[in-house]
Amino acid sequence: MEVRPTASQRIGDDLDRIEAAVAGGNADLGSLGLWTIVRQVKLDRLLVDEHAEQIGRIDTAAFRAGVRMRVPVWTGNALLGLGSIAGALAVGAAFAWHTPVWKGLALVAAGMIWSISLHSPTHWLVGTMVGIRWTDYFLGGPPPPRPGLKSDYGTYLRADPDSRAWMHASGAIATKLAPFLALAFWPGSNAPWWAAAALAALGVLQIATDLAFSTKTSDWKKFRREKAIARARRAAMTPGAPAADQARVTGGSQIPRPASPALSAEPVERRPDRSPVDRG
């Protein structure tokens, strides 16, 4: 009798194919089908446990093959930390200088600098707190290029989806708060009124661009995506949820076993012949 491969075995075979293609120079993970697999794996804790390491390895290899302008994480954090210090020095200059126009320019500069320098380090801090690790800083995004932070996708998958969602949101929130943080220093700095107006306008503009674009392409889109996965996991484990939904989310590991061996959804099984070590 022919033994049918489990879902986990089929995914493992597909990941082996994709990893070989990436090693051969094809870094287009979408056309190779990786993200379709990732959407399935994210819903199932057992599939995450089985395949996160290989998915992370593939993602990192493809990223590094396609992105040349990158630096180690500690270097990126150090440079952006210096940027945050520069923003603080600009606030100090707004208090120390006597010429109104320079006071105003210094305060506005602080808000703009912090809008850039706080974004990725906030992702790093929140993500690290929930178990996500990081591989590189890089320059990317829509023009003008901005610093970005690349996660180790294996550790990203192992993090709880609610935690992943708030990691994505954290950087966006930090960016939106940065102009208002600088604005908080305006009353004591005696900077001209237009400095306060410029900072308020910058903050409102960033919120508007988030509402218009980020919910479709960037941090808030990822926030909504991960929140949807978290809701799907919770819904599948509520009392009375269909066993098929529970199996889809948990690989069958949390479904109460009836006396009868029959089960309406086949649990995901581990692949005994395919450990992370075996896959290199």
Protein backbone atom coordinates (compact mmCIF):
# COMPACT_ATOMS: atom_id res chain seq x y z
CA MET A 1 0.00 0.00 0.00
CA GLU A 2 1.38 3.37 -1.04
CA VAL A 3 1.99 5.76 1.86
CA ARG A 4 0.78 9.28 1.09
CA PRO A 5 3.15 12.06 2.11
CA THR A 6 1.97 14.29 4.93
CA ALA A 7 1.53 18.04 4.54
CA SER A 8 4.80 18.55 6.40
CA GLN A 9 6.68 16.22 4.06
CA ARG A 10 5.29 17.95 0.99
CA ILE A 11 6.30 21.35 2.40
CA GLY A 12 9.76 20.01 3.19
CA ASP A 13 10.19 18.78 -0.37
CA ASP A 14 9.08 22.16 -1.72
CA LEU A 15 11.47 23.98 0.61
CA ASP A 16 14.34 21.76 -0.56
CA ARG A 17 13.48 22.67 -4.15
CA ILE A 18 13.35 26.40 -3.31
CA GLU A 19 16.59 26.29 -1.34
CA ALA A 20 18.35 24.62 -4.26
CA ALA A 21 16.98 27.26 -6.64
CA VAL A 22 18.20 30.09 -4.40
CA ALA A 23 21.63 28.47 -4.15
CA GLY A 24 21.60 28.35 -7.97
CA GLY A 25 21.05 32.10 -8.21
CA ASN A 26 17.25 32.53 -8.31
CA ALA A 27 16.35 34.89 -5.45
CA ASP A 28 12.74 35.56 -6.52
CA LEU A 29 11.05 33.90 -3.55
CA GLY A 30 7.57 34.88 -4.71
CA SER A 31 7.84 33.08 -8.04
CA LEU A 32 9.48 30.11 -6.32
CA GLY A 33 6.43 29.78 -4.07
CA LEU A 34 8.02 30.44 -0.68
CA TRP A 35 5.44 32.97 0.52
CA THR A 36 2.56 30.63 -0.31
CA ILE A 37 4.23 28.05 1.92
CA VAL A 38 4.86 30.65 4.65
CA ARG A 39 1.16 31.56 4.76
CA GLN A 40 0.32 27.91 5.40
CA VAL A 41 3.11 27.39 7.93
CA LYS A 42 2.20 30.46 9.99
CA LEU A 43 -1.19 28.99 10.89
CA ASP A 44 0.22 25.74 12.24
CA ARG A 45 2.50 25.70 15.27
CA LEU A 46 3.87 22.27 14.40
CA LEU A 47 4.70 23.33 10.87
CA VAL A 48 6.47 26.38 12.29
CA ASP A 49 8.50 24.15 14.58
CA GLU A 50 9.37 21.82 11.72
CA HIS A 51 10.19 24.31 8.99
CA ALA A 52 11.03 27.71 10.49
CA GLU A 53 14.77 27.14 10.43
CA GLN A 54 14.88 26.21 6.75
CA ILE A 55 12.53 29.04 5.77
CA GLY A 56 14.75 31.47 7.63
CA ARG A 57 17.84 30.10 5.94
CA ILE A 58 16.27 30.46 2.50
CA ASP A 59 15.01 33.98 3.21
CA THR A 60 18.40 35.17 4.47
CA ALA A 61 20.25 33.68 1.50
CA ALA A 62 17.88 35.30 -0.99
CA PHE A 63 18.01 38.65 0.81
CA ARG A 64 21.80 38.75 0.90
CA ALA A 65 22.02 37.73 -2.74
CA GLY A 66 19.78 40.62 -3.76
CA VAL A 67 20.80 43.40 -1.35
CA ARG A 68 24.40 44.55 -1.48
CA MET A 69 24.17 47.75 0.57
CA ARG A 70 23.93 46.27 4.05
CA VAL A 71 25.84 46.35 7.34
CA PRO A 72 25.86 44.24 10.52
CA VAL A 73 23.06 44.88 13.00
CA TRP A 74 25.37 46.36 15.64
CA THR A 75 26.72 48.84 13.09
CA GLY A 76 23.26 49.97 12.05
CA ASN A 77 22.12 50.36 15.64
CA ALA A 78 25.27 52.35 16.46
CA LEU A 79 24.82 54.70 13.50
CA LEU A 80 21.14 55.29 14.22
CA GLY A 81 21.96 55.73 17.90
CA LEU A 82 24.36 58.49 16.89
CA GLY A 83 21.51 59.97 14.85
CA SER A 84 19.29 60.03 17.93
CA ILE A 85 22.07 61.72 19.88
CA ALA A 86 22.37 64.28 17.06
CA GLY A 87 18.64 64.97 17.43
CA ALA A 88 19.11 65.55 21.15
CA LEU A 89 22.02 67.90 20.45
CA ALA A 90 19.79 69.81 18.03
CA VAL A 91 17.26 70.29 20.83
CA GLY A 92 20.08 71.51 23.06
CA ALA A 93 21.13 73.96 20.36
CA ALA A 94 17.56 75.26 20.13
CA PHE A 95 17.80 76.16 23.82
CA ALA A 96 21.36 77.50 23.65
CA TRP A 97 21.30 79.63 20.52
CA HIS A 98 19.95 83.16 20.60
CA THR A 99 18.95 83.75 16.98
CA PRO A 100 15.26 82.82 16.57
CA VAL A 101 15.62 81.39 13.08
CA TRP A 102 18.42 79.04 14.16
CA LYS A 103 16.42 77.99 17.20
CA GLY A 104 13.52 77.07 14.95
CA LEU A 105 15.65 75.24 12.42
CA ALA A 106 17.39 73.23 15.14
CA LEU A 107 14.10 72.13 16.68
CA VAL A 108 12.63 71.11 13.31
CA ALA A 109 15.85 69.25 12.51
CA ALA A 110 15.52 67.28 15.75
CA GLY A 111 12.03 66.12 14.79
CA MET A 112 13.14 65.09 11.32
CA ILE A 113 16.25 63.28 12.55
CA TRP A 114 14.32 61.35 15.20
CA SER A 115 11.67 60.36 12.65
CA ILE A 116 14.41 58.42 10.84
CA SER A 117 16.74 57.38 13.64
CA LEU A 118 14.12 55.93 16.03
CA HIS A 119 12.19 53.77 13.55
CA SER A 120 14.37 50.70 13.02
CA PRO A 121 15.92 50.60 16.52
CA THR A 122 12.39 50.48 17.94
CA HIS A 123 11.63 47.48 15.70
CA TRP A 124 14.88 45.94 16.93
CA LEU A 125 14.11 46.53 20.61
CA VAL A 126 10.52 45.27 20.55
CA GLY A 127 11.37 42.33 18.29
CA THR A 128 14.32 41.29 20.42
CA MET A 129 12.11 41.37 23.51
CA VAL A 130 9.74 38.82 21.91
CA GLY A 131 12.48 36.52 20.63
CA ILE A 132 13.06 37.78 17.09
CA ARG A 133 16.66 37.98 15.97
CA TRP A 134 18.12 40.09 13.16
CA THR A 135 20.59 39.60 10.32
CA ASP A 136 21.36 42.96 8.67
CA TYR A 137 20.67 46.66 8.31
CA PHE A 138 20.19 47.88 4.75
CA LEU A 139 19.08 50.86 2.71
CA GLY A 140 15.77 50.40 0.95
CA GLY A 141 12.13 51.34 0.72
CA PRO A 142 10.52 53.88 -1.60
CA PRO A 143 12.62 56.98 -2.45
CA PRO A 144 14.42 58.42 -0.68
CA PRO A 145 16.22 55.28 0.58
CA ARG A 146 15.87 54.76 4.32
CA PRO A 147 17.45 52.40 6.85
CA GLY A 148 15.75 49.03 7.09
CA LEU A 149 16.24 46.10 9.46
CA LYS A 150 16.14 42.48 8.24
CA SER A 151 14.77 39.86 10.57
CA ASP A 152 15.96 36.29 10.89
CA TYR A 153 12.76 34.83 9.48
CA GLY A 154 13.08 31.58 11.37
CA THR A 155 12.93 33.38 14.72
CA TYR A 156 10.24 35.69 13.30
CA LEU A 157 8.01 32.67 12.57
CA ARG A 158 8.57 31.22 16.03
CA ALA A 159 7.41 34.44 17.71
CA ASP A 160 3.73 34.70 18.64
CA PRO A 161 1.75 36.41 15.83
CA ASP A 162 0.42 39.08 18.20
CA SER A 163 4.03 39.86 19.16
CA ARG A 164 5.04 40.00 15.51
CA ALA A 165 2.20 42.43 14.85
CA TRP A 166 3.28 44.83 17.58
CA MET A 167 6.90 44.59 16.46
CA HIS A 168 5.79 45.87 13.05
CA ALA A 169 3.65 48.60 14.61
CA SER A 170 6.35 49.77 17.02
CA GLY A 171 8.61 51.39 14.44
CA ALA A 172 5.71 53.16 12.76
CA ILE A 173 4.51 54.50 16.11
CA ALA A 174 8.01 55.74 17.00
CA THR A 175 8.27 57.57 13.69
CA LYS A 176 4.92 59.28 14.17
CA LEU A 177 5.72 60.31 17.73
CA ALA A 178 9.14 61.77 16.88
CA PRO A 179 7.97 65.20 15.62
CA PHE A 180 5.66 65.58 18.60
CA LEU A 181 8.53 64.67 20.93
CA ALA A 182 10.53 67.56 19.46
CA LEU A 183 7.44 69.75 19.65
CA ALA A 184 7.28 69.14 23.41
CA PHE A 185 10.51 71.15 23.75
CA TRP A 186 9.19 74.14 21.80
CA PRO A 187 7.63 76.11 24.71
CA GLY A 188 10.87 76.18 26.69
CA SER A 189 13.13 76.83 23.72
CA ASN A 190 11.63 80.19 22.74
CA ALA A 191 11.83 79.07 19.11
CA PRO A 192 9.53 80.95 16.69
CA TRP A 193 5.94 79.85 16.11
CA TRP A 194 6.68 78.44 12.68
CA ALA A 195 8.92 75.77 14.22
CA ALA A 196 5.97 74.42 16.21
CA ALA A 197 3.77 74.62 13.11
CA ALA A 198 6.35 72.76 11.02
CA LEU A 199 6.72 69.97 13.58
CA ALA A 200 2.95 69.58 13.95
CA ALA A 201 2.58 69.52 10.16
CA LEU A 202 5.33 66.88 9.87
CA GLY A 203 3.59 64.69 12.43
CA VAL A 204 0.20 65.02 10.77
CA LEU A 205 1.72 64.39 7.32
CA GLN A 206 3.36 61.18 8.54
CA ILE A 207 0.09 59.97 10.04
CA ALA A 208 -1.72 60.78 6.78
CA THR A 209 0.83 58.91 4.68
CA ASP A 210 0.50 55.92 7.00
CA LEU A 211 -3.26 55.91 6.54
CA ALA A 212 -2.89 56.24 2.79
CA PHE A 213 0.03 53.91 2.08
CA SER A 214 1.37 51.94 5.06
CA THR A 215 -1.88 50.02 5.55
CA LYS A 216 -1.43 48.72 2.01
CA THR A 217 2.31 48.21 1.62
CA SER A 218 4.31 48.58 4.82
CA ASP A 219 4.29 48.26 8.61
CA TRP A 220 0.55 48.57 9.20
CA LYS A 221 -0.20 46.08 6.43
CA LYS A 222 2.07 43.59 8.20
CA PHE A 223 0.44 44.48 11.53
CA ARG A 224 -3.00 43.64 10.14
CA ARG A 225 -1.70 40.45 8.51
CA GLU A 226 -0.21 39.10 11.73
CA LYS A 227 -3.26 40.11 13.77
CA ALA A 228 -5.43 38.12 11.33
CA ILE A 229 -3.23 35.07 11.87
CA ALA A 230 -3.50 35.48 15.64
CA ARG A 231 -7.31 35.71 15.38
CA ALA A 232 -7.43 32.59 13.20
CA ARG A 233 -5.37 30.65 15.74
CA ARG A 234 -7.58 31.75 18.63
CA ALA A 235 -10.82 31.08 16.76
CA ALA A 236 -9.74 27.56 15.88
CA MET A 237 -9.13 26.74 19.53
CA THR A 238 -12.44 28.05 20.91
CA PRO A 239 -14.83 25.42 22.28
CA GLY A 240 -16.92 23.95 19.49
CA ALA A 241 -14.59 25.00 16.68
CA PRO A 242 -14.51 22.45 13.83
CA ALA A 243 -11.84 19.82 14.26
CA ALA A 244 -10.60 20.52 10.74
CA ASP A 245 -9.94 24.16 11.70
CA GLN A 246 -8.16 23.05 14.85
CA ALA A 247 -5.99 20.65 12.88
CA ARG A 248 -5.18 23.36 10.35
CA VAL A 249 -3.96 25.69 13.09
CA THR A 250 -2.33 23.25 15.49
CA GLY A 251 -1.40 20.27 13.37
CA GLY A 252 -3.81 18.23 15.50
CA SER A 253 -1.58 18.55 18.55
CA GLN A 254 -4.25 20.24 20.71
CA ILE A 255 -7.34 18.34 19.55
CA PRO A 256 -8.79 16.11 22.29
CA ARG A 257 -8.36 12.51 21.12
CA PRO A 258 -11.61 10.50 21.00
CA ALA A 259 -11.81 6.87 21.99
CA SER A 260 -12.15 5.99 18.32
CA PRO A 261 -8.96 6.26 16.29
CA ALA A 262 -10.84 8.14 13.58
CA LEU A 263 -10.10 11.84 13.35
CA SER A 264 -11.81 14.20 10.97
CA ALA A 265 -8.57 15.97 10.05
CA GLU A 266 -5.19 14.33 9.68
CA PRO A 267 -2.63 15.76 12.09
CA VAL A 268 0.60 17.09 10.74
CA GLU A 269 3.36 14.62 11.49
CA ARG A 270 7.02 15.25 11.99
CA ARG A 271 9.29 14.09 9.23
CA PRO A 272 11.56 11.60 11.02
CA ASP A 273 13.96 11.45 8.09
CA ARG A 274 14.29 15.25 7.78
CA SER A 275 15.75 17.10 10.75
CA PRO A 276 17.20 20.61 10.46
CA VAL A 277 20.64 19.04 10.71
CA ASP A 278 19.89 16.62 7.84
CA ARG A 279 18.93 19.57 5.65
CA GLY A 280 22.23 21.30 6.27
